């Protein structure tokens, strides 16, 4: 393994950690253990990505001023922001791709079928839980984590071709799915969230997905350039 590949693995591990954190944010309410983890997390003060930096400041400020009722307050906001009243499809930031890509904002529609097909093509019949539709945001974020894990394993085995194929899958999934609909959900989070915490989470997620898309596009462009140069030699 070259020094360049080792550096890339370190970057991939950082991306994996962020995707794991985002997955946990959207999977369920904050509990005591997760709250402890968040309070011990050192969120970067400056990433260069405006949305992420704003989101980090909101989350850090909220946690630093939270009182003894923080878990109750966050549970209520999680429910209000992501579950809503259930009266209509416009009363919350529903974390399903189908809601934002179906004209009638219906769940279990084409987007769900598309991501389920991708999961199965990757050898994943089910992800962590069967509680939600497969196009739930947390499952799509978890899928990115799985693809990153596979990329790391391929690089550790010096299988560059396989690693590139997983990077391509990540870029395509981001562009065809997460970046296609999450920005609309982020607008709804800003609208419905009552705490600075979840407003911050919405911004962190938006900024990270956008910057990660740029990272993957640049990385794969560099790989393509190197391949072309090798072909000319």
C-alpha atoms as a PDB file:
ATOM      1  CA  UNK A   1       0.000   0.000   0.000  1.00  0.00           C
ATOM      2  CA  UNK A   2       1.377   3.382  -1.032  1.00  0.00           C
ATOM      3  CA  UNK A   3       1.560   6.460   1.178  1.00  0.00           C
ATOM      4  CA  UNK A   4      -1.066   8.078  -1.040  1.00  0.00           C
ATOM      5  CA  UNK A   5      -3.450   5.154  -0.468  1.00  0.00           C
ATOM      6  CA  UNK A   6      -2.815   5.297   3.276  1.00  0.00           C
ATOM      7  CA  UNK A   7      -3.706   8.999   3.289  1.00  0.00           C
ATOM      8  CA  UNK A   8      -6.862   8.268   1.295  1.00  0.00           C
ATOM      9  CA  UNK A   9      -7.878   5.591   3.792  1.00  0.00           C
ATOM     10  CA  UNK A  10      -7.557   8.127   6.603  1.00  0.00           C
ATOM     11  CA  UNK A  11      -9.803  10.522   4.685  1.00  0.00           C
ATOM     12  CA  UNK A  12     -12.313   7.740   4.036  1.00  0.00           C
ATOM     13  CA  UNK A  13     -12.374   6.869   7.737  1.00  0.00           C
ATOM     14  CA  UNK A  14     -13.183  10.479   8.530  1.00  0.00           C
ATOM     15  CA  UNK A  15     -16.032  10.437   6.010  1.00  0.00           C
ATOM     16  CA  UNK A  16     -17.304   7.170   7.468  1.00  0.00           C
ATOM     17  CA  UNK A  17     -17.354   8.646  10.972  1.00  0.00           C
ATOM     18  CA  UNK A  18     -19.381  11.629   9.766  1.00  0.00           C
ATOM     19  CA  UNK A  19     -21.889   9.440   7.928  1.00  0.00           C
ATOM     20  CA  UNK A  20     -22.253   7.302  11.050  1.00  0.00           C
ATOM     21  CA  UNK A  21     -22.951  10.406  13.128  1.00  0.00           C
ATOM     22  CA  UNK A  22     -25.524  11.701  10.648  1.00  0.00           C
ATOM     23  CA  UNK A  23     -27.188   8.288  10.528  1.00  0.00           C
ATOM     24  CA  UNK A  24     -27.597   8.354  14.307  1.00  0.00           C
ATOM     25  CA  UNK A  25     -29.030  11.878  14.255  1.00  0.00           C
ATOM     26  CA  UNK A  26     -31.911  10.826  12.030  1.00  0.00           C
ATOM     27  CA  UNK A  27     -32.531   7.266  13.173  1.00  0.00           C
ATOM     28  CA  UNK A  28     -34.130   8.009  16.534  1.00  0.00           C
ATOM     29  CA  UNK A  29     -34.253  10.479  19.401  1.00  0.00           C
ATOM     30  CA  UNK A  30     -31.182  11.496  21.375  1.00  0.00           C
ATOM     31  CA  UNK A  31     -30.733   9.286  24.437  1.00  0.00           C
ATOM     32  CA  UNK A  32     -28.398   9.669  27.406  1.00  0.00           C
ATOM     33  CA  UNK A  33     -25.547   7.728  25.792  1.00  0.00           C
ATOM     34  CA  UNK A  34     -25.711   9.700  22.549  1.00  0.00           C
ATOM     35  CA  UNK A  35     -25.953  12.974  24.449  1.00  0.00           C
ATOM     36  CA  UNK A  36     -22.764  12.076  26.312  1.00  0.00           C
ATOM     37  CA  UNK A  37     -21.052  11.280  23.011  1.00  0.00           C
ATOM     38  CA  UNK A  38     -22.145  14.588  21.518  1.00  0.00           C
ATOM     39  CA  UNK A  39     -20.875  16.543  24.508  1.00  0.00           C
ATOM     40  CA  UNK A  40     -17.515  14.838  24.142  1.00  0.00           C
ATOM     41  CA  UNK A  41     -17.354  15.451  20.384  1.00  0.00           C
ATOM     42  CA  UNK A  42     -15.107  18.261  19.180  1.00  0.00           C
ATOM     43  CA  UNK A  43     -17.012  19.832  16.323  1.00  0.00           C
ATOM     44  CA  UNK A  44     -14.651  21.773  14.043  1.00  0.00           C
ATOM     45  CA  UNK A  45     -14.873  25.540  14.386  1.00  0.00           C
ATOM     46  CA  UNK A  46     -14.118  26.144  10.713  1.00  0.00           C
ATOM     47  CA  UNK A  47     -14.461  23.690   7.839  1.00  0.00           C
ATOM     48  CA  UNK A  48     -14.721  26.224   5.045  1.00  0.00           C
ATOM     49  CA  UNK A  49     -18.253  25.012   4.286  1.00  0.00           C
ATOM     50  CA  UNK A  50     -20.749  27.686   5.331  1.00  0.00           C
ATOM     51  CA  UNK A  51     -23.709  25.434   6.158  1.00  0.00           C
ATOM     52  CA  UNK A  52     -21.600  23.015   8.165  1.00  0.00           C
ATOM     53  CA  UNK A  53     -19.945  25.788  10.145  1.00  0.00           C
ATOM     54  CA  UNK A  54     -23.309  27.386  10.970  1.00  0.00           C
ATOM     55  CA  UNK A  55     -24.681  23.991  11.950  1.00  0.00           C
ATOM     56  CA  UNK A  56     -21.728  23.207  14.202  1.00  0.00           C
ATOM     57  CA  UNK A  57     -22.116  26.542  15.991  1.00  0.00           C
ATOM     58  CA  UNK A  58     -25.831  25.944  16.575  1.00  0.00           C
ATOM     59  CA  UNK A  59     -25.331  22.433  17.950  1.00  0.00           C
ATOM     60  CA  UNK A  60     -22.396  23.391  20.177  1.00  0.00           C
ATOM     61  CA  UNK A  61     -24.221  26.449  21.522  1.00  0.00           C
ATOM     62  CA  UNK A  62     -27.347  24.429  22.241  1.00  0.00           C
ATOM     63  CA  UNK A  63     -25.473  21.664  24.049  1.00  0.00           C
ATOM     64  CA  UNK A  64     -23.464  24.144  26.118  1.00  0.00           C
ATOM     65  CA  UNK A  65     -26.648  25.787  27.413  1.00  0.00           C
ATOM     66  CA  UNK A  66     -28.857  22.695  27.727  1.00  0.00           C
ATOM     67  CA  UNK A  67     -30.496  22.069  31.089  1.00  0.00           C
ATOM     68  CA  UNK A  68     -31.759  18.924  32.863  1.00  0.00           C
ATOM     69  CA  UNK A  69     -34.782  18.668  30.548  1.00  0.00           C
ATOM     70  CA  UNK A  70     -32.651  18.453  27.405  1.00  0.00           C
ATOM     71  CA  UNK A  71     -33.604  14.865  26.501  1.00  0.00           C
ATOM     72  CA  UNK A  72     -37.313  15.609  26.808  1.00  0.00           C
ATOM     73  CA  UNK A  73     -36.975  18.786  24.769  1.00  0.00           C
ATOM     74  CA  UNK A  74     -35.002  17.025  22.031  1.00  0.00           C
ATOM     75  CA  UNK A  75     -37.432  14.092  21.937  1.00  0.00           C
ATOM     76  CA  UNK A  76     -40.332  16.474  21.440  1.00  0.00           C
ATOM     77  CA  UNK A  77     -38.480  18.339  18.722  1.00  0.00           C
ATOM     78  CA  UNK A  78     -37.476  15.106  16.963  1.00  0.00           C
ATOM     79  CA  UNK A  79     -41.138  14.077  16.899  1.00  0.00           C
ATOM     80  CA  UNK A  80     -42.389  17.473  15.832  1.00  0.00           C
ATOM     81  CA  UNK A  81     -39.749  17.921  13.153  1.00  0.00           C
ATOM     82  CA  UNK A  82     -39.602  14.467  11.575  1.00  0.00           C
ATOM     83  CA  UNK A  83     -42.912  12.798  12.472  1.00  0.00           C
ATOM     84  CA  UNK A  84     -45.282  15.740  12.745  1.00  0.00           C
ATOM     85  CA  UNK A  85     -49.013  15.578  13.313  1.00  0.00           C
ATOM     86  CA  UNK A  86     -49.625  13.146  10.485  1.00  0.00           C
ATOM     87  CA  UNK A  87     -52.464  15.325   9.199  1.00  0.00           C
ATOM     88  CA  UNK A  88     -50.907  15.852   5.793  1.00  0.00           C
ATOM     89  CA  UNK A  89     -47.648  15.467   3.858  1.00  0.00           C
ATOM     90  CA  UNK A  90     -46.622  19.054   4.557  1.00  0.00           C
ATOM     91  CA  UNK A  91     -46.656  19.138   8.371  1.00  0.00           C
ATOM     92  CA  UNK A  92     -43.065  17.996   9.015  1.00  0.00           C
ATOM     93  CA  UNK A  93     -39.669  17.352   7.455  1.00  0.00           C
ATOM     94  CA  UNK A  94     -40.521  13.736   6.684  1.00  0.00           C
ATOM     95  CA  UNK A  95     -37.193  11.873   6.245  1.00  0.00           C
ATOM     96  CA  UNK A  96     -38.168   9.853   3.163  1.00  0.00           C
ATOM     97  CA  UNK A  97     -36.903  10.365  -0.360  1.00  0.00           C
ATOM     98  CA  UNK A  98     -40.320   9.437  -1.767  1.00  0.00           C
ATOM     99  CA  UNK A  99     -41.960  12.392  -0.024  1.00  0.00           C
ATOM    100  CA  UNK A 100     -39.691  14.847  -1.823  1.00  0.00           C
ATOM    101  CA  UNK A 101     -39.588  13.180  -5.231  1.00  0.00           C
ATOM    102  CA  UNK A 102     -43.230  12.160  -5.588  1.00  0.00           C
ATOM    103  CA  UNK A 103     -45.576  14.919  -6.851  1.00  0.00           C
ATOM    104  CA  UNK A 104     -48.169  13.907  -4.238  1.00  0.00           C
ATOM    105  CA  UNK A 105     -45.525  13.503  -1.493  1.00  0.00           C
ATOM    106  CA  UNK A 106     -46.432   9.859  -1.066  1.00  0.00           C
ATOM    107  CA  UNK A 107     -44.213   7.373   0.772  1.00  0.00           C
ATOM    108  CA  UNK A 108     -43.349   3.922  -0.580  1.00  0.00           C
ATOM    109  CA  UNK A 109     -43.222   5.195  -4.173  1.00  0.00           C
ATOM    110  CA  UNK A 110     -40.630   4.971  -6.974  1.00  0.00           C
ATOM    111  CA  UNK A 111     -37.712   6.314  -4.933  1.00  0.00           C
ATOM    112  CA  UNK A 112     -38.167   3.572  -2.353  1.00  0.00           C
ATOM    113  CA  UNK A 113     -38.131   0.917  -5.087  1.00  0.00           C
ATOM    114  CA  UNK A 114     -34.998   2.428  -6.642  1.00  0.00           C
ATOM    115  CA  UNK A 115     -32.939   2.454  -3.445  1.00  0.00           C
ATOM    116  CA  UNK A 116     -34.176  -1.019  -2.473  1.00  0.00           C
ATOM    117  CA  UNK A 117     -32.920  -2.296  -5.829  1.00  0.00           C
ATOM    118  CA  UNK A 118     -29.517  -0.686  -5.175  1.00  0.00           C
ATOM    119  CA  UNK A 119     -29.308  -2.208  -1.688  1.00  0.00           C
ATOM    120  CA  UNK A 120     -30.088  -5.648  -3.063  1.00  0.00           C
ATOM    121  CA  UNK A 121     -27.595  -5.228  -5.916  1.00  0.00           C
ATOM    122  CA  UNK A 122     -24.996  -4.536  -3.212  1.00  0.00           C
ATOM    123  CA  UNK A 123     -25.978  -7.740  -1.413  1.00  0.00           C
ATOM    124  CA  UNK A 124     -28.000  -6.020   1.290  1.00  0.00           C
ATOM    125  CA  UNK A 125     -31.454  -7.460   1.782  1.00  0.00           C
ATOM    126  CA  UNK A 126     -32.030  -5.304   4.840  1.00  0.00           C
ATOM    127  CA  UNK A 127     -30.119  -2.599   6.611  1.00  0.00           C
ATOM    128  CA  UNK A 128     -30.089  -2.187  10.387  1.00  0.00           C
ATOM    129  CA  UNK A 129     -33.827  -2.115  10.985  1.00  0.00           C
ATOM    130  CA  UNK A 130     -37.095  -3.013   9.268  1.00  0.00           C
ATOM    131  CA  UNK A 131     -39.047  -0.261  11.035  1.00  0.00           C
ATOM    132  CA  UNK A 132     -38.976   2.296   8.223  1.00  0.00           C
ATOM    133  CA  UNK A 133     -39.229   2.381   4.445  1.00  0.00           C
ATOM    134  CA  UNK A 134     -35.914   1.741   2.721  1.00  0.00           C
ATOM    135  CA  UNK A 135     -35.706   5.316   1.425  1.00  0.00           C
ATOM    136  CA  UNK A 136     -35.553   6.706   4.979  1.00  0.00           C
ATOM    137  CA  UNK A 137     -32.715   9.206   5.258  1.00  0.00           C
ATOM    138  CA  UNK A 138     -30.917   7.216   7.948  1.00  0.00           C
ATOM    139  CA  UNK A 139     -30.821   4.119   5.720  1.00  0.00           C
ATOM    140  CA  UNK A 140     -29.467   6.056   2.758  1.00  0.00           C
ATOM    141  CA  UNK A 141     -26.757   7.542   4.986  1.00  0.00           C
ATOM    142  CA  UNK A 142     -25.989   4.083   6.354  1.00  0.00           C
ATOM    143  CA  UNK A 143     -25.656   2.767   2.797  1.00  0.00           C
ATOM    144  CA  UNK A 144     -22.957   5.356   2.152  1.00  0.00           C
ATOM    145  CA  UNK A 145     -21.156   4.130   5.284  1.00  0.00           C
ATOM    146  CA  UNK A 146     -21.246   0.577   3.986  1.00  0.00           C
ATOM    147  CA  UNK A 147     -19.840   1.612   0.600  1.00  0.00           C
ATOM    148  CA  UNK A 148     -17.035   3.530   2.328  1.00  0.00           C
ATOM    149  CA  UNK A 149     -16.198   0.471   4.444  1.00  0.00           C
ATOM    150  CA  UNK A 150     -15.952  -1.608   1.280  1.00  0.00           C
ATOM    151  CA  UNK A 151     -13.712   0.996  -0.349  1.00  0.00           C
ATOM    152  CA  UNK A 152     -11.347   0.913   2.620  1.00  0.00           C
ATOM    153  CA  UNK A 153     -11.223  -2.889   2.529  1.00  0.00           C
ATOM    154  CA  UNK A 154     -10.452  -2.850  -1.199  1.00  0.00           C
ATOM    155  CA  UNK A 155      -7.603  -0.367  -0.726  1.00  0.00           C
ATOM    156  CA  UNK A 156      -6.188  -2.401   2.149  1.00  0.00           C
ATOM    157  CA  UNK A 157      -6.106  -5.379  -0.239  1.00  0.00           C
ATOM    158  CA  UNK A 158      -4.452  -3.222  -2.948  1.00  0.00           C
ATOM    159  CA  UNK A 159      -7.452  -3.708  -5.230  1.00  0.00           C
ATOM    160  CA  UNK A 160      -7.563  -0.234  -6.726  1.00  0.00           C
ATOM    161  CA  UNK A 161     -10.042  -1.149  -9.461  1.00  0.00           C
ATOM    162  CA  UNK A 162     -12.575  -2.402  -6.916  1.00  0.00           C
ATOM    163  CA  UNK A 163     -12.001   0.649  -4.713  1.00  0.00           C
ATOM    164  CA  UNK A 164     -12.722   2.961  -7.649  1.00  0.00           C
ATOM    165  CA  UNK A 165     -15.929   1.068  -8.414  1.00  0.00           C
ATOM    166  CA  UNK A 166     -17.116   1.674  -4.841  1.00  0.00           C
ATOM    167  CA  UNK A 167     -16.189   5.347  -5.085  1.00  0.00           C
ATOM    168  CA  UNK A 168     -18.242   5.562  -8.271  1.00  0.00           C
ATOM    169  CA  UNK A 169     -21.181   3.964  -6.479  1.00  0.00           C
ATOM    170  CA  UNK A 170     -20.881   6.548  -3.714  1.00  0.00           C
ATOM    171  CA  UNK A 171     -20.790   9.459  -6.132  1.00  0.00           C
ATOM    172  CA  UNK A 172     -23.737   8.120  -8.114  1.00  0.00           C
ATOM    173  CA  UNK A 173     -25.808   7.458  -4.997  1.00  0.00           C
ATOM    174  CA  UNK A 174     -25.141  10.942  -3.709  1.00  0.00           C
ATOM    175  CA  UNK A 175     -26.014  12.610  -6.998  1.00  0.00           C
ATOM    176  CA  UNK A 176     -28.985  10.416  -7.900  1.00  0.00           C
ATOM    177  CA  UNK A 177     -30.500  10.227  -4.446  1.00  0.00           C
ATOM    178  CA  UNK A 178     -29.256  12.119  -1.374  1.00  0.00           C
ATOM    179  CA  UNK A 179     -28.352  15.373  -3.140  1.00  0.00           C
ATOM    180  CA  UNK A 180     -31.451  15.120  -5.277  1.00  0.00           C
ATOM    181  CA  UNK A 181     -33.869  15.380  -2.362  1.00  0.00           C
ATOM    182  CA  UNK A 182     -32.176  16.176   0.950  1.00  0.00           C
ATOM    183  CA  UNK A 183     -31.741  19.925   0.198  1.00  0.00           C
ATOM    184  CA  UNK A 184     -35.555  20.165   0.091  1.00  0.00           C
ATOM    185  CA  UNK A 185     -35.809  18.326   3.398  1.00  0.00           C
ATOM    186  CA  UNK A 186     -33.208  20.682   4.868  1.00  0.00           C
ATOM    187  CA  UNK A 187     -35.513  23.608   4.066  1.00  0.00           C
ATOM    188  CA  UNK A 188     -38.314  21.860   5.946  1.00  0.00           C
ATOM    189  CA  UNK A 189     -36.065  21.162   8.939  1.00  0.00           C
ATOM    190  CA  UNK A 190     -35.315  24.886   9.141  1.00  0.00           C
ATOM    191  CA  UNK A 191     -39.065  25.505   9.006  1.00  0.00           C
ATOM    192  CA  UNK A 192     -40.260  22.939  11.541  1.00  0.00           C
ATOM    193  CA  UNK A 193     -37.406  22.464  14.040  1.00  0.00           C
ATOM    194  CA  UNK A 194     -37.928  24.318  17.301  1.00  0.00           C
ATOM    195  CA  UNK A 195     -34.478  23.768  18.797  1.00  0.00           C
ATOM    196  CA  UNK A 196     -31.164  25.129  17.592  1.00  0.00           C
ATOM    197  CA  UNK A 197     -29.928  21.555  17.881  1.00  0.00           C
ATOM    198  CA  UNK A 198     -32.016  20.133  15.049  1.00  0.00           C
ATOM    199  CA  UNK A 199     -31.698  23.279  12.964  1.00  0.00           C
ATOM    200  CA  UNK A 200     -27.963  22.746  13.322  1.00  0.00           C
ATOM    201  CA  UNK A 201     -28.215  19.056  12.427  1.00  0.00           C
ATOM    202  CA  UNK A 202     -30.090  19.994   9.257  1.00  0.00           C
ATOM    203  CA  UNK A 203     -27.364  22.429   8.225  1.00  0.00           C
ATOM    204  CA  UNK A 204     -24.497  20.082   9.104  1.00  0.00           C
ATOM    205  CA  UNK A 205     -26.044  17.363   6.969  1.00  0.00           C
ATOM    206  CA  UNK A 206     -26.664  19.668   4.033  1.00  0.00           C
ATOM    207  CA  UNK A 207     -23.158  21.102   4.097  1.00  0.00           C
ATOM    208  CA  UNK A 208     -21.493  17.743   4.483  1.00  0.00           C
ATOM    209  CA  UNK A 209     -23.419  16.076   1.650  1.00  0.00           C
ATOM    210  CA  UNK A 210     -22.664  18.945  -0.708  1.00  0.00           C
ATOM    211  CA  UNK A 211     -18.961  19.021   0.188  1.00  0.00           C
ATOM    212  CA  UNK A 212     -18.741  15.235   0.007  1.00  0.00           C
ATOM    213  CA  UNK A 213     -20.205  15.300  -3.469  1.00  0.00           C
ATOM    214  CA  UNK A 214     -17.497  17.755  -4.514  1.00  0.00           C
ATOM    215  CA  UNK A 215     -14.842  15.587  -2.878  1.00  0.00           C
ATOM    216  CA  UNK A 216     -15.936  12.485  -4.761  1.00  0.00           C
ATOM    217  CA  UNK A 217     -16.203  14.284  -8.088  1.00  0.00           C
ATOM    218  CA  UNK A 218     -12.700  15.755  -7.691  1.00  0.00           C
ATOM    219  CA  UNK A 219     -11.207  12.459  -6.504  1.00  0.00           C
ATOM    220  CA  UNK A 220     -12.666  10.469  -9.381  1.00  0.00           C
ATOM    221  CA  UNK A 221     -11.574  13.142 -11.867  1.00  0.00           C
ATOM    222  CA  UNK A 222      -8.016  12.788 -10.554  1.00  0.00           C
ATOM    223  CA  UNK A 223      -8.230   9.006 -10.876  1.00  0.00           C
ATOM    224  CA  UNK A 224      -9.410   9.359 -14.456  1.00  0.00           C
ATOM    225  CA  UNK A 225      -6.590  11.778 -15.283  1.00  0.00           C
ATOM    226  CA  UNK A 226      -3.993   9.396 -13.834  1.00  0.00           C
ATOM    227  CA  UNK A 227      -5.465   6.529 -15.812  1.00  0.00           C
ATOM    228  CA  UNK A 228      -5.281   8.535 -19.034  1.00  0.00           C
ATOM    229  CA  UNK A 229      -1.662   9.484 -18.374  1.00  0.00           C
ATOM    230  CA  UNK A 230      -0.744   5.853 -17.744  1.00  0.00           C
ATOM    231  CA  UNK A 231      -2.467   4.917 -21.011  1.00  0.00           C
ATOM    232  CA  UNK A 232      -0.372   7.450 -22.926  1.00  0.00           C
ATOM    233  CA  UNK A 233       2.922   6.151 -21.572  1.00  0.00           C
END
